[in-house]
Amino acid sequence: MAFAAAAVLGTSACGMSTASEIAGASSSSSASSCPVDVNTGVTGTIRIGWQMIPNADLIVKDKGWLEACMPNATIQWSQFNSGADVVQAFGSGSLDIAQMGSSPSVRAVSAPLNLDVQVVWIHDVIGDAESLVARDASVSSIKDLAGKNIATPFGSTSHFSLLSALDQAGMSTSDVNLINLDPDKMAAAWTRGEIDAAWVWDPVLSTLKSDGGSVVMSSKDTAEQGSATYDMEVASQSFIAANASAMKTWTSVEDYAVEYISSDPDDAAESVAAQMSVDTSTVKTQFAGYEYPAASQQSTIFSAELPKVFESTAEFLKSQGSIDSVSADYASALYSNAIDAVAGQ
């Protein structure tokens, strides 16, 4: 379709959504009752996009908390491989609310796409959980990968961090062979020797490391160089306008799940592990690669930090030819009403 071709610079067929539709109850056998106030006023279907990223969203899904907290609504979960896929789904009008990284979020609200969506939540601040891993243990810097095949999902936060790292090293995309590859295809390509390095997140990152890969640098490093990345939740403006009550309940549940990672890390890790099909010890290690801000922290981040982060991200994306122009006001792409309400409870 025409939108798919324009949605993400350089996205190939493997970047198309591989949505797995899961309607209704959680896949966990230990679904819980609603941990916040039950909202019986929400009806209809809420179409939610999720990704296999170890944060509170997977706890919410595994526990079935949204289903329990909005019992008169139908919660429809769809899995996506990367933020680029989510951008395309929003462009086709097939999602109400979904997780994507900060880089694809900026792309979504910038020209030429200018999608009618807003950021409504920060799932995590990305650190060591997204990293550049190389097959050759002698590689000590990204400069050592000149002329090599580096895989990453185009349009993702990992792609953004990789481009930032190349820029900081005085390199360009012409100095390496960039390969657009979904995370679920990387392990096979790595085993076949088709790629020399990859910038990706867990669980694939851990798989490549266990198969002889060595970490060269991480998104924590690029953040310290001025290119911070986040995993966020984005919702269509039409859904937000028509479902303020649902947005507050959704935010309350996510905020509870963030606290749950601290208050009951064993059970939180078990829920995430069930969704990602990995063991709980792996998830606990992955938790350390992220920061999970609560609603009380996000109120300040949304007002004081994100507009500047979005502007600097957009400036970089424009320099790379990924967007046409930098918006004059990225604050309008942020919706913090529900966060402020939950933080004030």
Protein backbone atom coordinates (compact mmCIF):
# COMPACT_ATOMS: atom_id res chain seq x y z
CA MET A 1 0.00 0.00 0.00
CA ALA A 2 1.14 3.56 -0.60
CA PHE A 3 1.44 4.40 3.09
CA ALA A 4 3.72 1.48 3.81
CA ALA A 5 6.17 2.66 1.20
CA ALA A 6 6.40 6.11 2.72
CA ALA A 7 6.11 5.26 6.37
CA VAL A 8 9.71 4.42 7.20
CA LEU A 9 12.81 5.25 5.24
CA GLY A 10 14.23 2.07 3.76
CA THR A 11 11.77 -0.38 5.30
CA SER A 12 11.64 -3.65 3.39
CA ALA A 13 8.94 -6.29 3.29
CA CYS A 14 10.26 -7.87 6.48
CA GLY A 15 9.29 -4.69 8.30
CA MET A 16 5.59 -5.24 7.73
CA SER A 17 3.49 -6.02 10.79
CA THR A 18 3.26 -9.62 11.87
CA ALA A 19 0.34 -8.93 14.14
CA SER A 20 -0.79 -11.77 16.32
CA GLU A 21 -4.34 -11.08 17.37
CA ILE A 22 -5.14 -12.06 20.93
CA ALA A 23 -8.55 -10.98 22.15
CA GLY A 24 -9.81 -11.26 25.70
CA ALA A 25 -8.05 -12.94 28.58
CA SER A 26 -4.35 -13.08 29.36
CA SER A 27 -2.15 -16.00 28.39
CA SER A 28 -1.15 -16.38 32.03
CA SER A 29 -2.79 -18.98 34.18
CA SER A 30 -2.62 -16.58 37.13
CA ALA A 31 -4.72 -13.68 35.85
CA SER A 32 -5.52 -11.35 38.74
CA SER A 33 -8.40 -9.14 39.76
CA CYS A 34 -8.22 -5.44 38.99
CA PRO A 35 -5.52 -3.77 41.15
CA VAL A 36 -7.03 -0.26 40.73
CA ASP A 37 -10.57 1.13 40.59
CA VAL A 38 -12.78 -0.91 38.25
CA ASN A 39 -14.21 1.16 35.39
CA THR A 40 -17.52 -0.31 34.18
CA GLY A 41 -18.28 2.68 31.96
CA VAL A 42 -15.88 1.72 29.16
CA THR A 43 -17.49 -0.31 26.38
CA GLY A 44 -16.54 -1.35 22.85
CA THR A 45 -13.21 -2.69 21.61
CA ILE A 46 -9.81 -1.25 22.50
CA ARG A 47 -7.13 -2.28 19.96
CA ILE A 48 -3.74 -2.42 21.66
CA GLY A 49 -0.36 -3.04 20.05
CA TRP A 50 2.39 -4.65 22.12
CA GLN A 51 6.00 -5.70 21.65
CA MET A 52 8.23 -8.25 23.37
CA ILE A 53 10.08 -5.69 25.47
CA PRO A 54 10.60 -6.43 29.19
CA ASN A 55 8.57 -3.69 30.81
CA ALA A 56 5.37 -3.23 32.79
CA ASP A 57 3.16 -3.50 29.71
CA LEU A 58 3.84 -7.24 29.54
CA ILE A 59 2.86 -7.63 33.19
CA VAL A 60 -0.43 -5.88 32.48
CA LYS A 61 -1.06 -8.16 29.52
CA ASP A 62 -0.06 -11.34 31.32
CA LYS A 63 -2.16 -10.60 34.40
CA GLY A 64 -5.22 -9.62 32.39
CA TRP A 65 -5.51 -6.43 34.42
CA LEU A 66 -7.04 -4.31 31.65
CA GLU A 67 -9.69 -6.96 31.07
CA ALA A 68 -10.42 -7.03 34.80
CA CYS A 69 -10.41 -3.25 35.24
CA MET A 70 -12.60 -2.50 32.19
CA PRO A 71 -14.89 -5.57 32.25
CA ASN A 72 -17.43 -4.21 29.76
CA ALA A 73 -14.80 -3.52 27.10
CA THR A 74 -13.16 -5.96 24.71
CA ILE A 75 -9.38 -5.75 24.93
CA GLN A 76 -7.71 -6.83 21.69
CA TRP A 77 -3.94 -7.32 21.83
CA SER A 78 -1.84 -7.36 18.64
CA GLN A 79 1.88 -8.18 18.62
CA PHE A 80 4.36 -6.20 16.51
CA ASN A 81 8.05 -6.68 15.79
CA SER A 82 9.13 -3.04 15.96
CA GLY A 83 7.98 0.56 16.14
CA ALA A 84 8.15 0.86 12.37
CA ASP A 85 5.40 -1.76 12.13
CA VAL A 86 3.31 0.14 14.68
CA VAL A 87 3.65 3.39 12.72
CA GLN A 88 2.27 1.65 9.66
CA ALA A 89 -0.63 0.21 11.66
CA PHE A 90 -1.57 3.65 13.00
CA GLY A 91 -1.34 4.98 9.45
CA SER A 92 -3.90 2.42 8.32
CA GLY A 93 -6.18 3.15 11.29
CA SER A 94 -5.95 -0.36 12.74
CA LEU A 95 -4.79 0.57 16.27
CA ASP A 96 -6.09 2.70 19.14
CA ILE A 97 -3.08 2.58 21.45
CA ALA A 98 0.30 0.88 21.13
CA GLN A 99 3.90 0.73 22.24
CA MET A 100 6.71 2.13 20.11
CA GLY A 101 10.07 3.76 20.66
CA SER A 102 10.81 7.46 20.84
CA SER A 103 12.40 7.59 17.39
CA PRO A 104 9.42 6.10 15.51
CA SER A 105 7.14 8.23 17.71
CA VAL A 106 8.89 11.39 16.52
CA ARG A 107 8.72 10.15 12.94
CA ALA A 108 4.99 9.48 13.30
CA VAL A 109 4.17 13.03 14.40
CA SER A 110 6.53 14.75 11.95
CA ALA A 111 6.22 15.49 8.24
CA PRO A 112 5.57 13.84 5.90
CA LEU A 113 3.48 11.43 8.00
CA ASN A 114 1.93 13.89 10.49
CA LEU A 115 -0.19 11.13 12.03
CA ASP A 116 -2.93 12.18 14.45
CA VAL A 117 -1.38 10.43 17.44
CA GLN A 118 0.00 11.52 20.80
CA VAL A 119 2.43 10.02 23.29
CA VAL A 120 0.53 9.06 26.46
CA TRP A 121 3.10 7.16 28.57
CA ILE A 122 6.78 6.30 28.94
CA HIS A 123 7.25 2.58 29.45
CA ASP A 124 10.99 2.81 30.02
CA VAL A 125 14.16 4.77 29.50
CA ILE A 126 16.45 2.57 27.42
CA GLY A 127 19.96 1.86 28.68
CA ASP A 128 22.12 -1.22 28.24
CA ALA A 129 19.05 -3.23 27.20
CA GLU A 130 19.61 -2.15 23.57
CA SER A 131 23.15 -2.72 22.42
CA LEU A 132 25.46 -3.19 19.46
CA VAL A 133 26.83 -6.73 19.55
CA ALA A 134 29.56 -8.01 17.20
CA ARG A 135 30.52 -11.53 16.12
CA ASP A 136 34.24 -10.73 16.26
CA ALA A 137 35.41 -10.33 19.86
CA SER A 138 38.30 -8.12 18.69
CA VAL A 139 35.85 -5.35 17.69
CA SER A 140 36.26 -2.65 20.34
CA SER A 141 34.49 0.30 18.70
CA ILE A 142 31.98 0.96 15.98
CA LYS A 143 34.84 2.17 13.76
CA ASP A 144 36.08 -1.43 13.66
CA LEU A 145 32.87 -2.37 11.82
CA ALA A 146 33.61 -0.27 8.74
CA GLY A 147 32.56 -2.19 5.65
CA LYS A 148 30.75 -4.83 7.75
CA ASN A 149 27.12 -5.97 7.71
CA ILE A 150 25.20 -4.47 10.64
CA ALA A 151 21.57 -5.48 11.18
CA THR A 152 18.90 -3.49 13.00
CA PRO A 153 15.13 -3.02 12.61
CA PHE A 154 14.82 0.16 10.52
CA GLY A 155 12.73 2.88 12.15
CA SER A 156 13.30 1.50 15.66
CA THR A 157 15.06 3.10 18.63
CA SER A 158 17.97 0.70 17.97
CA HIS A 159 18.23 2.06 14.42
CA PHE A 160 18.25 5.59 15.80
CA SER A 161 20.96 4.73 18.33
CA LEU A 162 23.05 3.05 15.63
CA LEU A 163 22.80 6.09 13.35
CA SER A 164 23.68 8.35 16.28
CA ALA A 165 26.71 6.20 17.14
CA LEU A 166 27.93 6.30 13.54
CA ASP A 167 27.52 10.08 13.49
CA GLN A 168 29.41 10.49 16.78
CA ALA A 169 32.22 8.34 15.38
CA GLY A 170 32.49 10.53 12.28
CA MET A 171 31.04 7.79 10.09
CA SER A 172 28.03 7.63 7.80
CA THR A 173 25.74 4.88 6.58
CA SER A 174 27.92 4.52 3.50
CA ASP A 175 30.78 3.34 5.73
CA VAL A 176 28.90 0.18 6.75
CA ASN A 177 26.35 -2.14 5.18
CA LEU A 178 23.10 -1.55 7.06
CA ILE A 179 20.61 -4.40 6.89
CA ASN A 180 16.95 -3.92 7.83
CA LEU A 181 16.10 -7.04 9.82
CA ASP A 182 13.32 -7.81 12.28
CA PRO A 183 14.56 -9.13 15.64
CA ASP A 184 12.97 -12.55 15.17
CA LYS A 185 15.07 -13.10 12.03
CA MET A 186 18.42 -12.02 13.47
CA ALA A 187 19.47 -15.22 15.24
CA ALA A 188 19.20 -17.26 12.05
CA ALA A 189 21.08 -14.64 10.02
CA TRP A 190 23.75 -14.52 12.74
CA THR A 191 24.15 -18.32 12.72
CA ARG A 192 24.48 -18.35 8.93
CA GLY A 193 27.18 -15.69 9.10
CA GLU A 194 25.15 -13.21 7.07
CA ILE A 195 25.60 -10.37 9.57
CA ASP A 196 28.71 -9.21 11.42
CA ALA A 197 26.92 -7.19 14.08
CA ALA A 198 23.47 -6.12 15.23
CA TRP A 199 21.96 -3.36 17.34
CA VAL A 200 18.90 -4.88 18.99
CA TRP A 201 17.09 -5.51 22.28
CA ASP A 202 16.30 -8.57 24.38
CA PRO A 203 15.51 -11.39 24.12
CA VAL A 204 17.42 -11.44 20.81
CA LEU A 205 20.33 -9.47 22.27
CA SER A 206 20.92 -12.17 24.89
CA THR A 207 20.66 -14.87 22.22
CA LEU A 208 23.37 -13.25 20.11
CA LYS A 209 25.58 -12.70 23.17
CA SER A 210 25.24 -16.36 24.17
CA ASP A 211 26.21 -17.32 20.61
CA GLY A 212 29.62 -15.68 20.87
CA GLY A 213 28.66 -12.04 20.40
CA SER A 214 30.41 -9.29 22.33
CA VAL A 215 28.88 -5.94 23.26
CA VAL A 216 30.56 -2.99 21.58
CA MET A 217 28.37 -0.19 22.96
CA SER A 218 24.81 0.40 24.13
CA SER A 219 21.97 2.89 24.00
CA LYS A 220 23.16 4.07 27.41
CA ASP A 221 26.33 5.25 25.68
CA THR A 222 24.45 7.10 22.95
CA ALA A 223 22.17 8.65 25.59
CA GLU A 224 25.23 10.03 27.35
CA GLN A 225 26.29 11.49 24.00
CA GLY A 226 22.96 13.33 23.77
CA SER A 227 20.71 10.82 21.99
CA ALA A 228 18.42 9.37 24.67
CA THR A 229 15.80 6.81 23.64
CA TYR A 230 12.59 5.61 25.27
CA ASP A 231 9.88 3.01 24.81
CA MET A 232 6.55 4.84 24.81
CA GLU A 233 2.84 4.31 24.43
CA VAL A 234 1.13 6.24 21.65
CA ALA A 235 -2.61 6.61 21.09
CA SER A 236 -4.70 8.05 18.29
CA GLN A 237 -6.08 11.49 19.08
CA SER A 238 -9.60 10.37 18.18
CA PHE A 239 -9.40 7.53 20.71
CA ILE A 240 -8.04 9.84 23.40
CA ALA A 241 -10.78 12.41 22.79
CA ALA A 242 -13.54 9.81 23.01
CA ASN A 243 -12.09 7.76 25.87
CA ALA A 244 -10.68 10.00 28.59
CA SER A 245 -12.00 7.62 31.25
CA ALA A 246 -10.40 4.59 29.60
CA MET A 247 -7.11 6.48 29.28
CA LYS A 248 -7.05 7.17 33.02
CA THR A 249 -7.78 3.53 33.84
CA TRP A 250 -5.14 2.32 31.37
CA THR A 251 -2.59 4.71 32.92
CA SER A 252 -3.50 3.68 36.47
CA VAL A 253 -2.96 0.03 35.62
CA GLU A 254 0.39 0.69 33.91
CA ASP A 255 1.53 2.82 36.85
CA TYR A 256 0.59 -0.01 39.23
CA ALA A 257 2.58 -2.45 37.10
CA VAL A 258 5.66 -0.19 37.22
CA GLU A 259 5.52 -0.25 41.01
CA TYR A 260 4.97 -4.02 40.87
CA ILE A 261 8.42 -4.48 39.29
CA SER A 262 9.88 -3.02 42.50
CA SER A 263 7.45 -4.44 45.05
CA ASP A 264 7.31 -8.01 43.72
CA PRO A 265 10.18 -8.45 41.25
CA ASP A 266 9.96 -12.25 41.28
CA ASP A 267 6.33 -12.40 40.21
CA ALA A 268 6.77 -9.43 37.84
CA ALA A 269 9.64 -11.26 36.14
CA GLU A 270 7.55 -14.42 35.96
CA SER A 271 4.79 -12.57 34.09
CA VAL A 272 7.22 -10.98 31.63
CA ALA A 273 8.99 -14.31 31.16
CA ALA A 274 5.69 -15.99 30.29
CA GLN A 275 5.01 -13.42 27.57
CA MET A 276 8.54 -13.52 26.16
CA SER A 277 9.02 -17.30 26.49
CA VAL A 278 12.27 -16.93 28.46
CA ASP A 279 13.24 -17.82 32.02
CA THR A 280 12.68 -15.46 34.93
CA SER A 281 16.40 -15.03 35.67
CA THR A 282 16.88 -13.67 32.15
CA VAL A 283 14.08 -11.14 32.69
CA LYS A 284 15.57 -9.96 35.98
CA THR A 285 18.83 -9.28 34.18
CA GLN A 286 16.94 -7.44 31.45
CA PHE A 287 15.13 -5.26 34.01
CA ALA A 288 18.52 -3.80 34.96
CA GLY A 289 18.96 -2.45 31.43
CA TYR A 290 16.00 -0.07 31.72
CA GLU A 291 14.61 2.63 33.99
CA TYR A 292 10.86 2.48 34.65
CA PRO A 293 9.46 5.91 35.60
CA ALA A 294 6.25 6.11 37.62
CA ALA A 295 3.43 8.51 36.80
CA SER A 296 4.67 10.94 39.46
CA GLN A 297 7.99 11.17 37.63
CA GLN A 298 6.43 11.26 34.18
CA SER A 299 4.40 14.39 34.88
CA THR A 300 7.67 16.31 35.13
CA ILE A 301 9.34 14.48 32.24
CA PHE A 302 6.42 15.24 29.90
CA SER A 303 6.41 18.95 30.69
CA ALA A 304 10.09 19.67 31.17
CA GLU A 305 12.04 17.16 29.09
CA LEU A 306 10.16 15.40 26.29
CA PRO A 307 9.49 18.41 24.01
CA LYS A 308 13.24 19.08 23.89
CA VAL A 309 14.05 15.38 23.43
CA PHE A 310 11.56 15.17 20.55
CA GLU A 311 12.98 18.30 18.93
CA SER A 312 16.59 17.08 19.12
CA THR A 313 15.55 13.63 17.86
CA ALA A 314 13.67 15.24 14.97
CA GLU A 315 16.65 17.40 14.06
CA PHE A 316 18.82 14.30 13.83
CA LEU A 317 16.21 12.36 11.83
CA LYS A 318 15.91 15.27 9.41
CA SER A 319 19.68 15.33 8.95
CA GLN A 320 19.44 11.63 8.04
CA GLY A 321 16.60 12.24 5.58
CA SER A 322 14.10 10.25 7.64
CA ILE A 323 11.64 13.14 8.04
CA ASP A 324 10.96 16.25 5.97
CA SER A 325 10.96 18.90 8.67
CA VAL A 326 11.15 19.58 12.39
CA SER A 327 7.88 20.60 14.03
CA ALA A 328 7.72 23.96 15.74
CA ASP A 329 5.83 22.50 18.71
CA TYR A 330 6.32 18.90 19.83
CA ALA A 331 4.51 19.60 23.09
CA SER A 332 1.27 19.20 21.12
CA ALA A 333 2.28 15.59 20.42
CA LEU A 334 2.17 14.78 24.14
CA TYR A 335 -0.93 13.91 26.18
CA SER A 336 -0.28 14.01 29.91
CA ASN A 337 -3.82 14.54 31.31
CA ALA A 338 -4.18 10.93 32.40
CA ILE A 339 -0.64 10.83 33.82
CA ASP A 340 -1.22 14.02 35.79
CA ALA A 341 -4.53 12.67 37.12
CA VAL A 342 -2.98 9.37 38.22
CA ALA A 343 0.08 11.12 39.72
CA GLY A 344 -2.20 13.36 41.75
CA GLN A 345 -4.22 10.52 43.29
